[in-house]
């Protein structure tokens, strides 16, 4: 069970850092971010990840930073829960 929690935590960390990288690149590049090949990589790698958040938002807000921010917050919450699960498993009842 601990190995599953560790692997899930690592995956969440990877996705979180990719989303944060995308957000930073978007802020730095502004409107020219889509012509940047590095931003294109981050965008392509996170498109499936934040697609569910786009569906929850109105159409005009689904293209900006809001889906990325919601994705980051959700992944951060998942990371906190996985850390808590790991601590509970290591220190908890067996």
PDB file of N, CA and C in Angstrom:
ATOM      1  N   UNK A   1       0.822  -1.199   0.000  1.00  0.00           N
ATOM      2  CA  UNK A   1       0.000   0.000   0.000  1.00  0.00           C
ATOM      3  C   UNK A   1       0.863   1.260   0.000  1.00  0.00           C
ATOM      4  N   UNK A   2       1.952   1.214   0.753  1.00  0.00           N
ATOM      5  CA  UNK A   2       2.820   2.383   0.823  1.00  0.00           C
ATOM      6  C   UNK A   2       3.432   2.697  -0.536  1.00  0.00           C
ATOM      7  N   UNK A   3       3.769   1.654  -1.311  1.00  0.00           N
ATOM      8  CA  UNK A   3       4.343   1.881  -2.632  1.00  0.00           C
ATOM      9  C   UNK A   3       3.348   2.573  -3.551  1.00  0.00           C
ATOM     10  N   UNK A   4       2.081   2.222  -3.450  1.00  0.00           N
ATOM     11  CA  UNK A   4       1.042   2.856  -4.269  1.00  0.00           C
ATOM     12  C   UNK A   4       0.931   4.334  -3.923  1.00  0.00           C
ATOM     13  N   UNK A   5       0.961   4.644  -2.647  1.00  0.00           N
ATOM     14  CA  UNK A   5       0.882   6.040  -2.207  1.00  0.00           C
ATOM     15  C   UNK A   5       2.102   6.817  -2.688  1.00  0.00           C
ATOM     16  N   UNK A   6       3.278   6.203  -2.615  1.00  0.00           N
ATOM     17  CA  UNK A   6       4.501   6.884  -3.053  1.00  0.00           C
ATOM     18  C   UNK A   6       4.467   7.154  -4.549  1.00  0.00           C
ATOM     19  N   UNK A   7       4.039   6.172  -5.338  1.00  0.00           N
ATOM     20  CA  UNK A   7       3.959   6.353  -6.792  1.00  0.00           C
ATOM     21  C   UNK A   7       2.905   7.404  -7.140  1.00  0.00           C
ATOM     22  N   UNK A   8       1.743   7.352  -6.495  1.00  0.00           N
ATOM     23  CA  UNK A   8       0.690   8.338  -6.762  1.00  0.00           C
ATOM     24  C   UNK A   8       1.163   9.740  -6.390  1.00  0.00           C
ATOM     25  N   UNK A   9       1.869   9.860  -5.279  1.00  0.00           N
ATOM     26  CA  UNK A   9       2.396  11.162  -4.861  1.00  0.00           C
ATOM     27  C   UNK A   9       3.408  11.681  -5.877  1.00  0.00           C
ATOM     28  N   UNK A  10       4.257  10.812  -6.382  1.00  0.00           N
ATOM     29  CA  UNK A  10       5.244  11.229  -7.384  1.00  0.00           C
ATOM     30  C   UNK A  10       4.563  11.689  -8.670  1.00  0.00           C
ATOM     31  N   UNK A  11       3.531  10.979  -9.107  1.00  0.00           N
ATOM     32  CA  UNK A  11       2.805  11.387 -10.314  1.00  0.00           C
ATOM     33  C   UNK A  11       2.119  12.732 -10.123  1.00  0.00           C
ATOM     34  N   UNK A  12       1.507  12.920  -8.968  1.00  0.00           N
ATOM     35  CA  UNK A  12       0.857  14.201  -8.681  1.00  0.00           C
ATOM     36  C   UNK A  12       1.892  15.323  -8.670  1.00  0.00           C
ATOM     37  N   UNK A  13       3.071  15.062  -8.102  1.00  0.00           N
ATOM     38  CA  UNK A  13       4.123  16.082  -8.089  1.00  0.00           C
ATOM     39  C   UNK A  13       4.571  16.435  -9.502  1.00  0.00           C
ATOM     40  N   UNK A  14       4.716  15.439 -10.360  1.00  0.00           N
ATOM     41  CA  UNK A  14       5.117  15.700 -11.745  1.00  0.00           C
ATOM     42  C   UNK A  14       4.078  16.564 -12.440  1.00  0.00           C
ATOM     43  N   UNK A  15       2.806  16.179 -12.341  1.00  0.00           N
ATOM     44  CA  UNK A  15       1.749  16.958 -12.989  1.00  0.00           C
ATOM     45  C   UNK A  15       1.657  18.363 -12.411  1.00  0.00           C
ATOM     46  N   UNK A  16       1.849  18.488 -11.105  1.00  0.00           N
ATOM     47  CA  UNK A  16       1.787  19.804 -10.471  1.00  0.00           C
ATOM     48  C   UNK A  16       2.911  20.708 -10.971  1.00  0.00           C
ATOM     49  N   UNK A  17       4.116  20.169 -11.068  1.00  0.00           N
ATOM     50  CA  UNK A  17       5.226  20.981 -11.562  1.00  0.00           C
ATOM     51  C   UNK A  17       5.054  21.342 -13.030  1.00  0.00           C
ATOM     52  N   UNK A  18       4.485  20.437 -13.818  1.00  0.00           N
ATOM     53  CA  UNK A  18       4.238  20.754 -15.227  1.00  0.00           C
ATOM     54  C   UNK A  18       3.197  21.867 -15.340  1.00  0.00           C
ATOM     55  N   UNK A  19       2.119  21.783 -14.549  1.00  0.00           N
ATOM     56  CA  UNK A  19       1.110  22.842 -14.575  1.00  0.00           C
ATOM     57  C   UNK A  19       1.676  24.171 -14.086  1.00  0.00           C
ATOM     58  N   UNK A  20       2.485  24.124 -13.044  1.00  0.00           N
ATOM     59  CA  UNK A  20       3.101  25.361 -12.560  1.00  0.00           C
ATOM     60  C   UNK A  20       4.053  25.940 -13.604  1.00  0.00           C
ATOM     61  N   UNK A  21       4.782  25.077 -14.297  1.00  0.00           N
ATOM     62  CA  UNK A  21       5.648  25.544 -15.374  1.00  0.00           C
ATOM     63  C   UNK A  21       4.862  26.192 -16.491  1.00  0.00           C
ATOM     64  N   UNK A  22       3.728  25.589 -16.826  1.00  0.00           N
ATOM     65  CA  UNK A  22       2.866  26.170 -17.860  1.00  0.00           C
ATOM     66  C   UNK A  22       2.348  27.534 -17.416  1.00  0.00           C
ATOM     67  N   UNK A  23       1.950  27.643 -16.170  1.00  0.00           N
ATOM     68  CA  UNK A  23       1.427  28.917 -15.671  1.00  0.00           C
ATOM     69  C   UNK A  23       2.508  29.998 -15.680  1.00  0.00           C
ATOM     70  N   UNK A  24       3.719  29.650 -15.258  1.00  0.00           N
ATOM     71  CA  UNK A  24       4.809  30.629 -15.249  1.00  0.00           C
ATOM     72  C   UNK A  24       5.152  31.064 -16.669  1.00  0.00           C
ATOM     73  N   UNK A  25       5.229  30.102 -17.591  1.00  0.00           N
ATOM     74  CA  UNK A  25       5.522  30.456 -18.982  1.00  0.00           C
ATOM     75  C   UNK A  25       4.430  31.338 -19.570  1.00  0.00           C
ATOM     76  N   UNK A  26       3.187  31.050 -19.223  1.00  0.00           N
ATOM     77  CA  UNK A  26       2.078  31.863 -19.738  1.00  0.00           C
ATOM     78  C   UNK A  26       2.166  33.288 -19.202  1.00  0.00           C
ATOM     79  N   UNK A  27       2.525  33.419 -17.937  1.00  0.00           N
ATOM     80  CA  UNK A  27       2.663  34.759 -17.364  1.00  0.00           C
ATOM     81  C   UNK A  27       3.846  35.510 -17.972  1.00  0.00           C
ATOM     82  N   UNK A  28       4.949  34.810 -18.209  1.00  0.00           N
ATOM     83  CA  UNK A  28       6.131  35.465 -18.767  1.00  0.00           C
ATOM     84  C   UNK A  28       5.958  35.831 -20.234  1.00  0.00           C
ATOM     85  N   UNK A  29       5.337  34.951 -21.005  1.00  0.00           N
ATOM     86  CA  UNK A  29       5.228  35.181 -22.447  1.00  0.00           C
ATOM     87  C   UNK A  29       4.029  36.035 -22.815  1.00  0.00           C
ATOM     88  N   UNK A  30       3.020  36.054 -21.983  1.00  0.00           N
ATOM     89  CA  UNK A  30       1.828  36.848 -22.285  1.00  0.00           C
ATOM     90  C   UNK A  30       1.077  36.300 -23.482  1.00  0.00           C
ATOM     91  N   UNK A  31       0.693  37.175 -24.398  1.00  0.00           N
ATOM     92  CA  UNK A  31      -0.110  36.742 -25.544  1.00  0.00           C
ATOM     93  C   UNK A  31       0.716  35.984 -26.580  1.00  0.00           C
ATOM     94  N   UNK A  32       2.036  36.069 -26.512  1.00  0.00           N
ATOM     95  CA  UNK A  32       2.897  35.367 -27.470  1.00  0.00           C
ATOM     96  C   UNK A  32       3.266  33.963 -26.999  1.00  0.00           C
ATOM     97  N   UNK A  33       2.587  33.477 -25.967  1.00  0.00           N
ATOM     98  CA  UNK A  33       2.980  32.186 -25.402  1.00  0.00           C
ATOM     99  C   UNK A  33       2.736  31.025 -26.362  1.00  0.00           C
ATOM    100  N   UNK A  34       1.755  31.132 -27.254  1.00  0.00           N
ATOM    101  CA  UNK A  34       1.440  30.009 -28.138  1.00  0.00           C
ATOM    102  C   UNK A  34       2.481  29.814 -29.232  1.00  0.00           C
ATOM    103  N   UNK A  35       3.316  30.805 -29.498  1.00  0.00           N
ATOM    104  CA  UNK A  35       4.389  30.638 -30.478  1.00  0.00           C
ATOM    105  C   UNK A  35       5.669  30.101 -29.835  1.00  0.00           C
ATOM    106  N   UNK A  36       5.682  29.969 -28.526  1.00  0.00           N
ATOM    107  CA  UNK A  36       6.843  29.469 -27.803  1.00  0.00           C
ATOM    108  C   UNK A  36       6.817  27.938 -27.797  1.00  0.00           C
ATOM    109  N   UNK A  37       7.866  27.255 -28.301  1.00  0.00           N
ATOM    110  CA  UNK A  37       7.845  25.790 -28.350  1.00  0.00           C
ATOM    111  C   UNK A  37       7.851  25.140 -26.970  1.00  0.00           C
ATOM    112  N   UNK A  38       8.467  25.783 -25.993  1.00  0.00           N
ATOM    113  CA  UNK A  38       8.461  25.215 -24.644  1.00  0.00           C
ATOM    114  C   UNK A  38       7.056  25.273 -24.064  1.00  0.00           C
ATOM    115  N   UNK A  39       6.364  26.395 -24.260  1.00  0.00           N
ATOM    116  CA  UNK A  39       4.982  26.494 -23.790  1.00  0.00           C
ATOM    117  C   UNK A  39       4.106  25.478 -24.512  1.00  0.00           C
ATOM    118  N   UNK A  40       4.358  25.265 -25.812  1.00  0.00           N
ATOM    119  CA  UNK A  40       3.579  24.277 -26.566  1.00  0.00           C
ATOM    120  C   UNK A  40       3.751  22.885 -25.968  1.00  0.00           C
ATOM    121  N   UNK A  41       4.963  22.554 -25.528  1.00  0.00           N
ATOM    122  CA  UNK A  41       5.191  21.257 -24.881  1.00  0.00           C
ATOM    123  C   UNK A  41       4.394  21.156 -23.584  1.00  0.00           C
ATOM    124  N   UNK A  42       4.475  22.184 -22.735  1.00  0.00           N
ATOM    125  CA  UNK A  42       3.729  22.166 -21.482  1.00  0.00           C
ATOM    126  C   UNK A  42       2.226  22.111 -21.747  1.00  0.00           C
ATOM    127  N   UNK A  43       1.769  22.832 -22.731  1.00  0.00           N
ATOM    128  CA  UNK A  43       0.347  22.846 -23.052  1.00  0.00           C
ATOM    129  C   UNK A  43      -0.122  21.480 -23.539  1.00  0.00           C
ATOM    130  N   UNK A  44       0.668  20.851 -24.408  1.00  0.00           N
ATOM    131  CA  UNK A  44       0.286  19.531 -24.923  1.00  0.00           C
ATOM    132  C   UNK A  44       0.328  18.468 -23.838  1.00  0.00           C
ATOM    133  N   UNK A  45       1.278  18.574 -22.924  1.00  0.00           N
ATOM    134  CA  UNK A  45       1.392  17.553 -21.885  1.00  0.00           C
ATOM    135  C   UNK A  45       0.339  17.706 -20.797  1.00  0.00           C
ATOM    136  N   UNK A  46      -0.231  18.886 -20.640  1.00  0.00           N
ATOM    137  CA  UNK A  46      -1.231  19.076 -19.586  1.00  0.00           C
ATOM    138  C   UNK A  46      -2.652  19.191 -20.112  1.00  0.00           C
ATOM    139  N   UNK A  47      -2.831  19.166 -21.416  1.00  0.00           N
ATOM    140  CA  UNK A  47      -4.180  19.310 -21.975  1.00  0.00           C
ATOM    141  C   UNK A  47      -5.157  18.275 -21.416  1.00  0.00           C
ATOM    142  N   UNK A  48      -4.806  16.974 -21.370  1.00  0.00           N
ATOM    143  CA  UNK A  48      -5.752  16.018 -20.790  1.00  0.00           C
ATOM    144  C   UNK A  48      -5.956  16.228 -19.299  1.00  0.00           C
ATOM    145  N   UNK A  49      -4.953  16.795 -18.638  1.00  0.00           N
ATOM    146  CA  UNK A  49      -5.024  16.960 -17.192  1.00  0.00           C
ATOM    147  C   UNK A  49      -6.026  18.022 -16.774  1.00  0.00           C
ATOM    148  N   UNK A  50      -6.066  19.148 -17.483  1.00  0.00           N
ATOM    149  CA  UNK A  50      -6.985  20.197 -17.051  1.00  0.00           C
ATOM    150  C   UNK A  50      -8.213  20.310 -17.928  1.00  0.00           C
ATOM    151  N   UNK A  51      -8.430  19.348 -18.832  1.00  0.00           N
ATOM    152  CA  UNK A  51      -9.649  19.347 -19.651  1.00  0.00           C
ATOM    153  C   UNK A  51     -10.925  19.263 -18.805  1.00  0.00           C
ATOM    154  N   UNK A  52     -10.963  18.447 -17.736  1.00  0.00           N
ATOM    155  CA  UNK A  52     -12.191  18.436 -16.919  1.00  0.00           C
ATOM    156  C   UNK A  52     -12.506  19.789 -16.282  1.00  0.00           C
ATOM    157  N   UNK A  53     -11.475  20.570 -15.956  1.00  0.00           N
ATOM    158  CA  UNK A  53     -11.704  21.875 -15.347  1.00  0.00           C
ATOM    159  C   UNK A  53     -12.261  22.865 -16.364  1.00  0.00           C
ATOM    160  N   UNK A  54     -11.894  22.697 -17.631  1.00  0.00           N
ATOM    161  CA  UNK A  54     -12.446  23.561 -18.681  1.00  0.00           C
ATOM    162  C   UNK A  54     -13.948  23.373 -18.810  1.00  0.00           C
ATOM    163  N   UNK A  55     -14.411  22.140 -18.654  1.00  0.00           N
ATOM    164  CA  UNK A  55     -15.839  21.852 -18.807  1.00  0.00           C
ATOM    165  C   UNK A  55     -16.658  22.460 -17.677  1.00  0.00           C
ATOM    166  N   UNK A  56     -16.035  22.705 -16.545  1.00  0.00           N
ATOM    167  CA  UNK A  56     -16.748  23.285 -15.409  1.00  0.00           C
ATOM    168  C   UNK A  56     -16.889  24.799 -15.509  1.00  0.00           C
ATOM    169  N   UNK A  57     -16.135  25.413 -16.417  1.00  0.00           N
ATOM    170  CA  UNK A  57     -16.092  26.872 -16.507  1.00  0.00           C
ATOM    171  C   UNK A  57     -16.896  27.377 -17.695  1.00  0.00           C
ATOM    172  N   UNK A  58     -17.349  28.624 -17.644  1.00  0.00           N
ATOM    173  CA  UNK A  58     -17.978  29.226 -18.823  1.00  0.00           C
ATOM    174  C   UNK A  58     -16.998  29.266 -19.994  1.00  0.00           C
ATOM    175  N   UNK A  59     -17.509  29.315 -21.210  1.00  0.00           N
ATOM    176  CA  UNK A  59     -16.675  29.191 -22.416  1.00  0.00           C
ATOM    177  C   UNK A  59     -15.592  30.261 -22.492  1.00  0.00           C
ATOM    178  N   UNK A  60     -15.895  31.487 -22.126  1.00  0.00           N
ATOM    179  CA  UNK A  60     -14.888  32.545 -22.278  1.00  0.00           C
ATOM    180  C   UNK A  60     -13.802  32.463 -21.211  1.00  0.00           C
ATOM    181  N   UNK A  61     -14.063  31.803 -20.082  1.00  0.00           N
ATOM    182  CA  UNK A  61     -13.047  31.666 -19.042  1.00  0.00           C
ATOM    183  C   UNK A  61     -12.252  30.381 -19.174  1.00  0.00           C
ATOM    184  N   UNK A  62     -12.689  29.477 -20.040  1.00  0.00           N
ATOM    185  CA  UNK A  62     -12.033  28.178 -20.160  1.00  0.00           C
ATOM    186  C   UNK A  62     -10.723  28.250 -20.925  1.00  0.00           C
ATOM    187  N   UNK A  63     -10.378  29.389 -21.496  1.00  0.00           N
ATOM    188  CA  UNK A  63      -9.156  29.500 -22.286  1.00  0.00           C
ATOM    189  C   UNK A  63      -8.014  30.173 -21.536  1.00  0.00           C
ATOM    190  N   UNK A  64      -8.271  30.829 -20.447  1.00  0.00           N
ATOM    191  CA  UNK A  64      -7.239  31.609 -19.769  1.00  0.00           C
ATOM    192  C   UNK A  64      -6.495  30.821 -18.711  1.00  0.00           C
ATOM    193  N   UNK A  65      -6.113  31.524 -17.667  1.00  0.00           N
ATOM    194  CA  UNK A  65      -5.331  30.932 -16.584  1.00  0.00           C
ATOM    195  C   UNK A  65      -6.191  30.213 -15.559  1.00  0.00           C
ATOM    196  N   UNK A  66      -7.495  30.432 -15.566  1.00  0.00           N
ATOM    197  CA  UNK A  66      -8.352  29.839 -14.548  1.00  0.00           C
ATOM    198  C   UNK A  66      -8.317  28.312 -14.543  1.00  0.00           C
ATOM    199  N   UNK A  67      -8.392  27.620 -15.688  1.00  0.00           N
ATOM    200  CA  UNK A  67      -8.290  26.161 -15.635  1.00  0.00           C
ATOM    201  C   UNK A  67      -6.945  25.685 -15.093  1.00  0.00           C
ATOM    202  N   UNK A  68      -5.886  26.385 -15.436  1.00  0.00           N
ATOM    203  CA  UNK A  68      -4.564  26.014 -14.929  1.00  0.00           C
ATOM    204  C   UNK A  68      -4.511  26.219 -13.417  1.00  0.00           C
ATOM    205  N   UNK A  69      -5.075  27.327 -12.945  1.00  0.00           N
ATOM    206  CA  UNK A  69      -5.091  27.590 -11.504  1.00  0.00           C
ATOM    207  C   UNK A  69      -5.928  26.549 -10.769  1.00  0.00           C
ATOM    208  N   UNK A  70      -7.085  26.200 -11.319  1.00  0.00           N
ATOM    209  CA  UNK A  70      -7.913  25.166 -10.688  1.00  0.00           C
ATOM    210  C   UNK A  70      -7.204  23.820 -10.692  1.00  0.00           C
ATOM    211  N   UNK A  71      -6.524  23.515 -11.782  1.00  0.00           N
ATOM    212  CA  UNK A  71      -5.764  22.269 -11.846  1.00  0.00           C
ATOM    213  C   UNK A  71      -4.654  22.233 -10.814  1.00  0.00           C
ATOM    214  N   UNK A  72      -3.943  23.344 -10.665  1.00  0.00           N
ATOM    215  CA  UNK A  72      -2.870  23.417  -9.669  1.00  0.00           C
ATOM    216  C   UNK A  72      -3.416  23.254  -8.258  1.00  0.00           C
ATOM    217  N   UNK A  73      -4.518  23.923  -7.974  1.00  0.00           N
ATOM    218  CA  UNK A  73      -5.111  23.804  -6.636  1.00  0.00           C
ATOM    219  C   UNK A  73      -5.601  22.388  -6.369  1.00  0.00           C
ATOM    220  N   UNK A  74      -6.199  21.758  -7.365  1.00  0.00           N
ATOM    221  CA  UNK A  74      -6.673  20.382  -7.192  1.00  0.00           C
ATOM    222  C   UNK A  74      -5.514  19.418  -6.988  1.00  0.00           C
ATOM    223  N   UNK A  75      -4.451  19.591  -7.778  1.00  0.00           N
ATOM    224  CA  UNK A  75      -3.288  18.723  -7.607  1.00  0.00           C
ATOM    225  C   UNK A  75      -2.593  18.973  -6.279  1.00  0.00           C
ATOM    226  N   UNK A  76      -2.575  20.217  -5.843  1.00  0.00           N
ATOM    227  CA  UNK A  76      -1.993  20.518  -4.539  1.00  0.00           C
ATOM    228  C   UNK A  76      -2.801  19.849  -3.430  1.00  0.00           C
ATOM    229  N   UNK A  77      -4.123  19.876  -3.544  1.00  0.00           N
ATOM    230  CA  UNK A  77      -4.974  19.200  -2.561  1.00  0.00           C
ATOM    231  C   UNK A  77      -4.742  17.688  -2.596  1.00  0.00           C
ATOM    232  N   UNK A  78      -4.618  17.118  -3.792  1.00  0.00           N
ATOM    233  CA  UNK A  78      -4.344  15.683  -3.908  1.00  0.00           C
ATOM    234  C   UNK A  78      -2.986  15.348  -3.299  1.00  0.00           C
ATOM    235  N   UNK A  79      -2.002  16.215  -3.514  1.00  0.00           N
ATOM    236  CA  UNK A  79      -0.676  15.986  -2.950  1.00  0.00           C
ATOM    237  C   UNK A  79      -0.724  16.004  -1.424  1.00  0.00           C
ATOM    238  N   UNK A  80      -1.451  16.952  -0.859  1.00  0.00           N
ATOM    239  CA  UNK A  80      -1.578  17.027   0.602  1.00  0.00           C
ATOM    240  C   UNK A  80      -2.253  15.770   1.136  1.00  0.00           C
ATOM    241  N   UNK A  81      -3.295  15.299   0.456  1.00  0.00           N
ATOM    242  CA  UNK A  81      -3.971  14.076   0.896  1.00  0.00           C
ATOM    243  C   UNK A  81      -3.050  12.863   0.803  1.00  0.00           C
ATOM    244  N   UNK A  82      -2.247  12.784  -0.247  1.00  0.00           N
ATOM    245  CA  UNK A  82      -1.320  11.661  -0.376  1.00  0.00           C
ATOM    246  C   UNK A  82      -0.215  11.711   0.674  1.00  0.00           C
ATOM    247  N   UNK A  83       0.261  12.896   0.997  1.00  0.00           N
ATOM    248  CA  UNK A  83       1.250  13.020   2.076  1.00  0.00           C
ATOM    249  C   UNK A  83       0.626  12.598   3.399  1.00  0.00           C
ATOM    250  N   UNK A  84      -0.608  13.012   3.633  1.00  0.00           N
ATOM    251  CA  UNK A  84      -1.302  12.613   4.861  1.00  0.00           C
ATOM    252  C   UNK A  84      -1.503  11.102   4.900  1.00  0.00           C
ATOM    253  N   UNK A  85      -1.841  10.496   3.747  1.00  0.00           N
ATOM    254  CA  UNK A  85      -2.014   9.044   3.700  1.00  0.00           C
ATOM    255  C   UNK A  85      -0.695   8.333   3.976  1.00  0.00           C
ATOM    256  N   UNK A  86       0.391   8.865   3.441  1.00  0.00           N
ATOM    257  CA  UNK A  86       1.703   8.255   3.683  1.00  0.00           C
ATOM    258  C   UNK A  86       2.077   8.357   5.154  1.00  0.00           C
ATOM    259  N   UNK A  87       1.866   9.519   5.748  1.00  0.00           N
ATOM    260  CA  UNK A  87       2.172   9.701   7.170  1.00  0.00           C
ATOM    261  C   UNK A  87       1.300   8.788   8.016  1.00  0.00           C
ATOM    262  N   UNK A  88       0.019   8.698   7.671  1.00  0.00           N
ATOM    263  CA  UNK A  88      -0.889   7.833   8.421  1.00  0.00           C
ATOM    264  C   UNK A  88      -0.458   6.377   8.307  1.00  0.00           C
ATOM    265  N   UNK A  89      -0.025   5.972   7.121  1.00  0.00           N
ATOM    266  CA  UNK A  89       0.377   4.582   6.937  1.00  0.00           C
ATOM    267  C   UNK A  89       1.669   4.283   7.688  1.00  0.00           C
ATOM    268  N   UNK A  90       2.618   5.205   7.635  1.00  0.00           N
ATOM    269  CA  UNK A  90       3.906   4.972   8.293  1.00  0.00           C
ATOM    270  C   UNK A  90       3.758   5.018   9.812  1.00  0.00           C
ATOM    271  N   UNK A  91       2.994   5.974  10.314  1.00  0.00           N
ATOM    272  CA  UNK A  91       2.859   6.138  11.759  1.00  0.00           C
ATOM    273  C   UNK A  91       1.611   5.486  12.336  1.00  0.00           C
ATOM    274  N   UNK A  92       0.690   5.114  11.466  1.00  0.00           N
ATOM    275  CA  UNK A  92      -0.612   4.645  11.922  1.00  0.00           C
ATOM    276  C   UNK A  92      -0.654   3.180  12.299  1.00  0.00           C
ATOM    277  N   UNK A  93      -1.886   2.713  12.420  1.00  0.00           N
ATOM    278  CA  UNK A  93      -2.159   1.336  12.826  1.00  0.00           C
ATOM    279  C   UNK A  93      -1.875   0.408  11.660  1.00  0.00           C
ATOM    280  N   UNK A  94      -1.256  -0.712  11.960  1.00  0.00           N
ATOM    281  CA  UNK A  94      -0.972  -1.706  10.921  1.00  0.00           C
ATOM    282  C   UNK A  94      -1.783  -2.938  11.142  1.00  0.00           C
TER     283      UNK A  94
END
